[in-house]
Amino acid sequence: MTQDTFDQIPVETLELSMKALGSLKRSQIATIADLMNYTQEDLEILDKECSEEVITALEQKFNLTLPLNDLQ
């Protein structure tokens, strides 16, 4: 899949809990492409429990991994 494809895929595709989905929406993260602009560390700042759910779903559904931090 290309970056353009991820621009078209909403985060709802990850089938997250309402809490995790709400956390992403409050952070203006609407698509998988938006999500890929963040690191695992960024998501943990938002909410540790939700970040683990998002990271796991992203790996399982799209085989994508967010970098651990901005230094990578």
PDB file of N, CA and C in Angstrom:
ATOM      1  N   MET A   1       0.836  -1.184   0.000  1.00  0.00           N
ATOM      2  CA  MET A   1       0.000   0.000   0.000  1.00  0.00           C
ATOM      3  C   MET A   1       0.880   1.247   0.000  1.00  0.00           C
ATOM      4  N   THR A   2       0.410   2.254  -0.661  1.00  0.00           N
ATOM      5  CA  THR A   2       1.161   3.499  -0.730  1.00  0.00           C
ATOM      6  C   THR A   2       0.671   4.479   0.329  1.00  0.00           C
ATOM      7  N   GLN A   3       1.425   5.549   0.523  1.00  0.00           N
ATOM      8  CA  GLN A   3       1.047   6.592   1.475  1.00  0.00           C
ATOM      9  C   GLN A   3      -0.322   7.164   1.104  1.00  0.00           C
ATOM     10  N   ASP A   4      -0.571   7.350  -0.202  1.00  0.00           N
ATOM     11  CA  ASP A   4      -1.859   7.874  -0.651  1.00  0.00           C
ATOM     12  C   ASP A   4      -3.001   6.958  -0.231  1.00  0.00           C
ATOM     13  N   THR A   5      -2.768   5.671  -0.260  1.00  0.00           N
ATOM     14  CA  THR A   5      -3.790   4.714   0.162  1.00  0.00           C
ATOM     15  C   THR A   5      -4.112   4.913   1.634  1.00  0.00           C
ATOM     16  N   PHE A   6      -3.102   5.103   2.462  1.00  0.00           N
ATOM     17  CA  PHE A   6      -3.321   5.280   3.893  1.00  0.00           C
ATOM     18  C   PHE A   6      -4.057   6.586   4.202  1.00  0.00           C
ATOM     19  N   ASP A   7      -3.947   7.572   3.290  1.00  0.00           N
ATOM     20  CA  ASP A   7      -4.700   8.824   3.456  1.00  0.00           C
ATOM     21  C   ASP A   7      -6.201   8.575   3.377  1.00  0.00           C
ATOM     22  N   GLN A   8      -6.570   7.502   2.712  1.00  0.00           N
ATOM     23  CA  GLN A   8      -7.984   7.196   2.496  1.00  0.00           C
ATOM     24  C   GLN A   8      -8.564   6.222   3.531  1.00  0.00           C
ATOM     25  N   ILE A   9      -7.728   5.670   4.404  1.00  0.00           N
ATOM     26  CA  ILE A   9      -8.190   4.653   5.355  1.00  0.00           C
ATOM     27  C   ILE A   9      -8.410   5.301   6.722  1.00  0.00           C
ATOM     28  N   PRO A  10      -9.674   5.350   7.172  1.00  0.00           N
ATOM     29  CA  PRO A  10      -9.953   5.959   8.483  1.00  0.00           C
ATOM     30  C   PRO A  10      -9.463   5.075   9.627  1.00  0.00           C
ATOM     31  N   VAL A  11      -9.147   5.693  10.764  1.00  0.00           N
ATOM     32  CA  VAL A  11      -8.667   4.941  11.921  1.00  0.00           C
ATOM     33  C   VAL A  11      -9.734   3.974  12.443  1.00  0.00           C
ATOM     34  N   GLU A  12     -10.988   4.201  12.111  1.00  0.00           N
ATOM     35  CA  GLU A  12     -12.053   3.274  12.523  1.00  0.00           C
ATOM     36  C   GLU A  12     -11.816   1.861  11.988  1.00  0.00           C
ATOM     37  N   THR A  13     -11.059   1.761  10.909  1.00  0.00           N
ATOM     38  CA  THR A  13     -10.714   0.469  10.309  1.00  0.00           C
ATOM     39  C   THR A  13      -9.953  -0.421  11.291  1.00  0.00           C
ATOM     40  N   LEU A  14      -9.291   0.190  12.263  1.00  0.00           N
ATOM     41  CA  LEU A  14      -8.512  -0.565  13.248  1.00  0.00           C
ATOM     42  C   LEU A  14      -9.403  -1.265  14.273  1.00  0.00           C
ATOM     43  N   GLU A  15     -10.700  -0.950  14.273  1.00  0.00           N
ATOM     44  CA  GLU A  15     -11.659  -1.572  15.191  1.00  0.00           C
ATOM     45  C   GLU A  15     -11.211  -1.429  16.646  1.00  0.00           C
ATOM     46  N   LEU A  16     -10.963  -0.204  17.041  1.00  0.00           N
ATOM     47  CA  LEU A  16     -10.497   0.107  18.395  1.00  0.00           C
ATOM     48  C   LEU A  16     -11.661   0.285  19.351  1.00  0.00           C
ATOM     49  N   SER A  17     -11.349   0.262  20.641  1.00  0.00           N
ATOM     50  CA  SER A  17     -12.352   0.570  21.655  1.00  0.00           C
ATOM     51  C   SER A  17     -12.764   2.031  21.498  1.00  0.00           C
ATOM     52  N   MET A  18     -13.917   2.376  22.055  1.00  0.00           N
ATOM     53  CA  MET A  18     -14.387   3.759  21.983  1.00  0.00           C
ATOM     54  C   MET A  18     -13.391   4.701  22.656  1.00  0.00           C
ATOM     55  N   LYS A  19     -12.781   4.249  23.738  1.00  0.00           N
ATOM     56  CA  LYS A  19     -11.805   5.083  24.452  1.00  0.00           C
ATOM     57  C   LYS A  19     -10.600   5.391  23.563  1.00  0.00           C
ATOM     58  N   ALA A  20     -10.054   4.370  22.922  1.00  0.00           N
ATOM     59  CA  ALA A  20      -8.880   4.562  22.060  1.00  0.00           C
ATOM     60  C   ALA A  20      -9.242   5.406  20.847  1.00  0.00           C
ATOM     61  N   LEU A  21     -10.379   5.130  20.241  1.00  0.00           N
ATOM     62  CA  LEU A  21     -10.802   5.889  19.074  1.00  0.00           C
ATOM     63  C   LEU A  21     -11.022   7.359  19.449  1.00  0.00           C
ATOM     64  N   GLY A  22     -11.655   7.593  20.581  1.00  0.00           N
ATOM     65  CA  GLY A  22     -11.877   8.954  21.051  1.00  0.00           C
ATOM     66  C   GLY A  22     -10.567   9.687  21.301  1.00  0.00           C
ATOM     67  N   SER A  23      -9.593   8.977  21.844  1.00  0.00           N
ATOM     68  CA  SER A  23      -8.277   9.565  22.103  1.00  0.00           C
ATOM     69  C   SER A  23      -7.619  10.017  20.797  1.00  0.00           C
ATOM     70  N   LEU A  24      -7.722   9.188  19.758  1.00  0.00           N
ATOM     71  CA  LEU A  24      -7.154   9.553  18.458  1.00  0.00           C
ATOM     72  C   LEU A  24      -7.887  10.750  17.861  1.00  0.00           C
ATOM     73  N   LYS A  25      -9.206  10.709  17.924  1.00  0.00           N
ATOM     74  CA  LYS A  25     -10.014  11.789  17.341  1.00  0.00           C
ATOM     75  C   LYS A  25      -9.732  13.125  18.032  1.00  0.00           C
ATOM     76  N   ARG A  26      -9.597  13.103  19.352  1.00  0.00           N
ATOM     77  CA  ARG A  26      -9.285  14.340  20.087  1.00  0.00           C
ATOM     78  C   ARG A  26      -7.925  14.889  19.681  1.00  0.00           C
ATOM     79  N   SER A  27      -7.059  14.017  19.222  1.00  0.00           N
ATOM     80  CA  SER A  27      -5.720  14.432  18.796  1.00  0.00           C
ATOM     81  C   SER A  27      -5.665  14.733  17.296  1.00  0.00           C
ATOM     82  N   GLN A  28      -6.838  14.810  16.674  1.00  0.00           N
ATOM     83  CA  GLN A  28      -6.929  15.134  15.236  1.00  0.00           C
ATOM     84  C   GLN A  28      -6.307  14.048  14.352  1.00  0.00           C
ATOM     85  N   ILE A  29      -6.343  12.801  14.817  1.00  0.00           N
ATOM     86  CA  ILE A  29      -5.830  11.680  14.025  1.00  0.00           C
ATOM     87  C   ILE A  29      -7.042  10.977  13.425  1.00  0.00           C
ATOM     88  N   ALA A  30      -7.239  11.159  12.105  1.00  0.00           N
ATOM     89  CA  ALA A  30      -8.436  10.635  11.445  1.00  0.00           C
ATOM     90  C   ALA A  30      -8.146   9.471  10.500  1.00  0.00           C
ATOM     91  N   THR A  31      -6.919   9.399   9.973  1.00  0.00           N
ATOM     92  CA  THR A  31      -6.585   8.347   9.014  1.00  0.00           C
ATOM     93  C   THR A  31      -5.319   7.606   9.460  1.00  0.00           C
ATOM     94  N   ILE A  32      -5.066   6.483   8.807  1.00  0.00           N
ATOM     95  CA  ILE A  32      -3.843   5.723   9.093  1.00  0.00           C
ATOM     96  C   ILE A  32      -2.620   6.586   8.760  1.00  0.00           C
ATOM     97  N   ALA A  33      -2.702   7.371   7.701  1.00  0.00           N
ATOM     98  CA  ALA A  33      -1.581   8.261   7.337  1.00  0.00           C
ATOM     99  C   ALA A  33      -1.313   9.264   8.459  1.00  0.00           C
ATOM    100  N   ASP A  34      -2.381   9.827   9.048  1.00  0.00           N
ATOM    101  CA  ASP A  34      -2.202  10.739  10.183  1.00  0.00           C
ATOM    102  C   ASP A  34      -1.472  10.029  11.320  1.00  0.00           C
ATOM    103  N   LEU A  35      -1.879   8.816  11.588  1.00  0.00           N
ATOM    104  CA  LEU A  35      -1.308   8.030  12.682  1.00  0.00           C
ATOM    105  C   LEU A  35       0.178   7.766  12.457  1.00  0.00           C
ATOM    106  N   MET A  36       0.563   7.566  11.199  1.00  0.00           N
ATOM    107  CA  MET A  36       1.955   7.258  10.883  1.00  0.00           C
ATOM    108  C   MET A  36       2.887   8.451  11.101  1.00  0.00           C
ATOM    109  N   ASN A  37       2.337   9.621  11.375  1.00  0.00           N
ATOM    110  CA  ASN A  37       3.159  10.799  11.687  1.00  0.00           C
ATOM    111  C   ASN A  37       3.560  10.838  13.158  1.00  0.00           C
ATOM    112  N   TYR A  38       3.117   9.863  13.922  1.00  0.00           N
ATOM    113  CA  TYR A  38       3.389   9.820  15.358  1.00  0.00           C
ATOM    114  C   TYR A  38       4.339   8.672  15.682  1.00  0.00           C
ATOM    115  N   THR A  39       4.981   8.782  16.842  1.00  0.00           N
ATOM    116  CA  THR A  39       5.810   7.681  17.341  1.00  0.00           C
ATOM    117  C   THR A  39       5.037   6.952  18.439  1.00  0.00           C
ATOM    118  N   GLN A  40       5.519   5.801  18.838  1.00  0.00           N
ATOM    119  CA  GLN A  40       4.903   5.080  19.956  1.00  0.00           C
ATOM    120  C   GLN A  40       4.937   5.943  21.208  1.00  0.00           C
ATOM    121  N   GLU A  41       6.028   6.650  21.380  1.00  0.00           N
ATOM    122  CA  GLU A  41       6.195   7.527  22.537  1.00  0.00           C
ATOM    123  C   GLU A  41       5.138   8.644  22.529  1.00  0.00           C
ATOM    124  N   ASP A  42       4.868   9.210  21.354  1.00  0.00           N
ATOM    125  CA  ASP A  42       3.837  10.248  21.231  1.00  0.00           C
ATOM    126  C   ASP A  42       2.484   9.718  21.695  1.00  0.00           C
ATOM    127  N   LEU A  43       2.137   8.523  21.264  1.00  0.00           N
ATOM    128  CA  LEU A  43       0.834   7.953  21.621  1.00  0.00           C
ATOM    129  C   LEU A  43       0.756   7.643  23.110  1.00  0.00           C
ATOM    130  N   GLU A  44       1.857   7.212  23.698  1.00  0.00           N
ATOM    131  CA  GLU A  44       1.856   6.903  25.130  1.00  0.00           C
ATOM    132  C   GLU A  44       1.606   8.147  25.961  1.00  0.00           C
ATOM    133  N   ILE A  45       2.040   9.300  25.477  1.00  0.00           N
ATOM    134  CA  ILE A  45       1.784  10.551  26.177  1.00  0.00           C
ATOM    135  C   ILE A  45       0.283  10.829  26.202  1.00  0.00           C
ATOM    136  N   LEU A  46      -0.399  10.487  25.114  1.00  0.00           N
ATOM    137  CA  LEU A  46      -1.851  10.682  25.053  1.00  0.00           C
ATOM    138  C   LEU A  46      -2.558   9.776  26.052  1.00  0.00           C
ATOM    139  N   ASP A  47      -2.227   8.495  26.033  1.00  0.00           N
ATOM    140  CA  ASP A  47      -2.832   7.520  26.938  1.00  0.00           C
ATOM    141  C   ASP A  47      -2.123   6.188  26.760  1.00  0.00           C
ATOM    142  N   LYS A  48      -1.460   5.712  27.801  1.00  0.00           N
ATOM    143  CA  LYS A  48      -0.639   4.491  27.706  1.00  0.00           C
ATOM    144  C   LYS A  48      -1.463   3.269  27.284  1.00  0.00           C
ATOM    145  N   GLU A  49      -2.604   3.066  27.933  1.00  0.00           N
ATOM    146  CA  GLU A  49      -3.438   1.902  27.634  1.00  0.00           C
ATOM    147  C   GLU A  49      -3.942   1.941  26.189  1.00  0.00           C
ATOM    148  N   CYS A  50      -4.417   3.099  25.773  1.00  0.00           N
ATOM    149  CA  CYS A  50      -4.925   3.239  24.405  1.00  0.00           C
ATOM    150  C   CYS A  50      -3.806   3.092  23.378  1.00  0.00           C
ATOM    151  N   SER A  51      -2.625   3.593  23.705  1.00  0.00           N
ATOM    152  CA  SER A  51      -1.512   3.510  22.758  1.00  0.00           C
ATOM    153  C   SER A  51      -1.163   2.057  22.462  1.00  0.00           C
ATOM    154  N   GLU A  52      -1.174   1.210  23.472  1.00  0.00           N
ATOM    155  CA  GLU A  52      -0.875  -0.204  23.263  1.00  0.00           C
ATOM    156  C   GLU A  52      -1.913  -0.850  22.352  1.00  0.00           C
ATOM    157  N   GLU A  53      -3.175  -0.488  22.544  1.00  0.00           N
ATOM    158  CA  GLU A  53      -4.246  -1.025  21.700  1.00  0.00           C
ATOM    159  C   GLU A  53      -4.063  -0.579  20.245  1.00  0.00           C
ATOM    160  N   VAL A  54      -3.747   0.690  20.047  1.00  0.00           N
ATOM    161  CA  VAL A  54      -3.563   1.237  18.693  1.00  0.00           C
ATOM    162  C   VAL A  54      -2.358   0.590  18.015  1.00  0.00           C
ATOM    163  N   ILE A  55      -1.248   0.492  18.721  1.00  0.00           N
ATOM    164  CA  ILE A  55      -0.019  -0.090  18.165  1.00  0.00           C
ATOM    165  C   ILE A  55      -0.247  -1.546  17.766  1.00  0.00           C
ATOM    166  N   THR A  56      -0.922  -2.304  18.609  1.00  0.00           N
ATOM    167  CA  THR A  56      -1.205  -3.714  18.312  1.00  0.00           C
ATOM    168  C   THR A  56      -2.119  -3.840  17.097  1.00  0.00           C
ATOM    169  N   ALA A  57      -3.170  -3.037  17.047  1.00  0.00           N
ATOM    170  CA  ALA A  57      -4.116  -3.100  15.926  1.00  0.00           C
ATOM    171  C   ALA A  57      -3.436  -2.714  14.618  1.00  0.00           C
ATOM    172  N   LEU A  58      -2.579  -1.709  14.656  1.00  0.00           N
ATOM    173  CA  LEU A  58      -1.872  -1.259  13.461  1.00  0.00           C
ATOM    174  C   LEU A  58      -0.970  -2.370  12.921  1.00  0.00           C
ATOM    175  N   GLU A  59      -0.301  -3.071  13.825  1.00  0.00           N
ATOM    176  CA  GLU A  59       0.573  -4.182  13.414  1.00  0.00           C
ATOM    177  C   GLU A  59      -0.241  -5.342  12.853  1.00  0.00           C
ATOM    178  N   GLN A  60      -1.344  -5.677  13.512  1.00  0.00           N
ATOM    179  CA  GLN A  60      -2.142  -6.823  13.088  1.00  0.00           C
ATOM    180  C   GLN A  60      -2.885  -6.584  11.776  1.00  0.00           C
ATOM    181  N   LYS A  61      -3.460  -5.415  11.604  1.00  0.00           N
ATOM    182  CA  LYS A  61      -4.277  -5.134  10.414  1.00  0.00           C
ATOM    183  C   LYS A  61      -3.455  -4.748   9.194  1.00  0.00           C
ATOM    184  N   PHE A  62      -2.388  -3.965   9.405  1.00  0.00           N
ATOM    185  CA  PHE A  62      -1.641  -3.421   8.272  1.00  0.00           C
ATOM    186  C   PHE A  62      -0.160  -3.775   8.270  1.00  0.00           C
ATOM    187  N   ASN A  63       0.288  -4.529   9.275  1.00  0.00           N
ATOM    188  CA  ASN A  63       1.692  -4.904   9.398  1.00  0.00           C
ATOM    189  C   ASN A  63       2.592  -3.660   9.417  1.00  0.00           C
ATOM    190  N   LEU A  64       2.109  -2.619  10.119  1.00  0.00           N
ATOM    191  CA  LEU A  64       2.852  -1.370  10.251  1.00  0.00           C
ATOM    192  C   LEU A  64       3.307  -1.198  11.689  1.00  0.00           C
ATOM    193  N   THR A  65       4.486  -0.627  11.847  1.00  0.00           N
ATOM    194  CA  THR A  65       5.029  -0.360  13.173  1.00  0.00           C
ATOM    195  C   THR A  65       5.440   1.109  13.256  1.00  0.00           C
ATOM    196  N   LEU A  66       5.004   1.759  14.309  1.00  0.00           N
ATOM    197  CA  LEU A  66       5.420   3.144  14.542  1.00  0.00           C
ATOM    198  C   LEU A  66       6.816   3.130  15.163  1.00  0.00           C
ATOM    199  N   PRO A  67       7.640   4.125  14.842  1.00  0.00           N
ATOM    200  CA  PRO A  67       8.953   4.187  15.493  1.00  0.00           C
ATOM    201  C   PRO A  67       8.771   4.385  16.995  1.00  0.00           C
ATOM    202  N   LEU A  68       9.765   3.969  17.776  1.00  0.00           N
ATOM    203  CA  LEU A  68       9.676   4.102  19.231  1.00  0.00           C
ATOM    204  C   LEU A  68       9.731   5.552  19.677  1.00  0.00           C
ATOM    205  N   ASN A  69      10.632   6.331  19.064  1.00  0.00           N
ATOM    206  CA  ASN A  69      10.736   7.754  19.417  1.00  0.00           C
ATOM    207  C   ASN A  69      11.256   8.532  18.229  1.00  0.00           C
ATOM    208  N   ASP A  70      11.329   9.839  18.385  1.00  0.00           N
ATOM    209  CA  ASP A  70      11.729  10.712  17.273  1.00  0.00           C
ATOM    210  C   ASP A  70      13.189  10.546  16.850  1.00  0.00           C
ATOM    211  N   LEU A  71      13.981   9.880  17.657  1.00  0.00           N
ATOM    212  CA  LEU A  71      15.404   9.745  17.369  1.00  0.00           C
ATOM    213  C   LEU A  71      15.694   8.617  16.395  1.00  0.00           C
ATOM    214  N   GLN A  72      14.696   7.815  16.069  1.00  0.00           N
ATOM    215  CA  GLN A  72      14.932   6.689  15.159  1.00  0.00           C
ATOM    216  C   GLN A  72      14.698   7.092  13.717  1.00  0.00           C
TER     217      GLN A  72
END
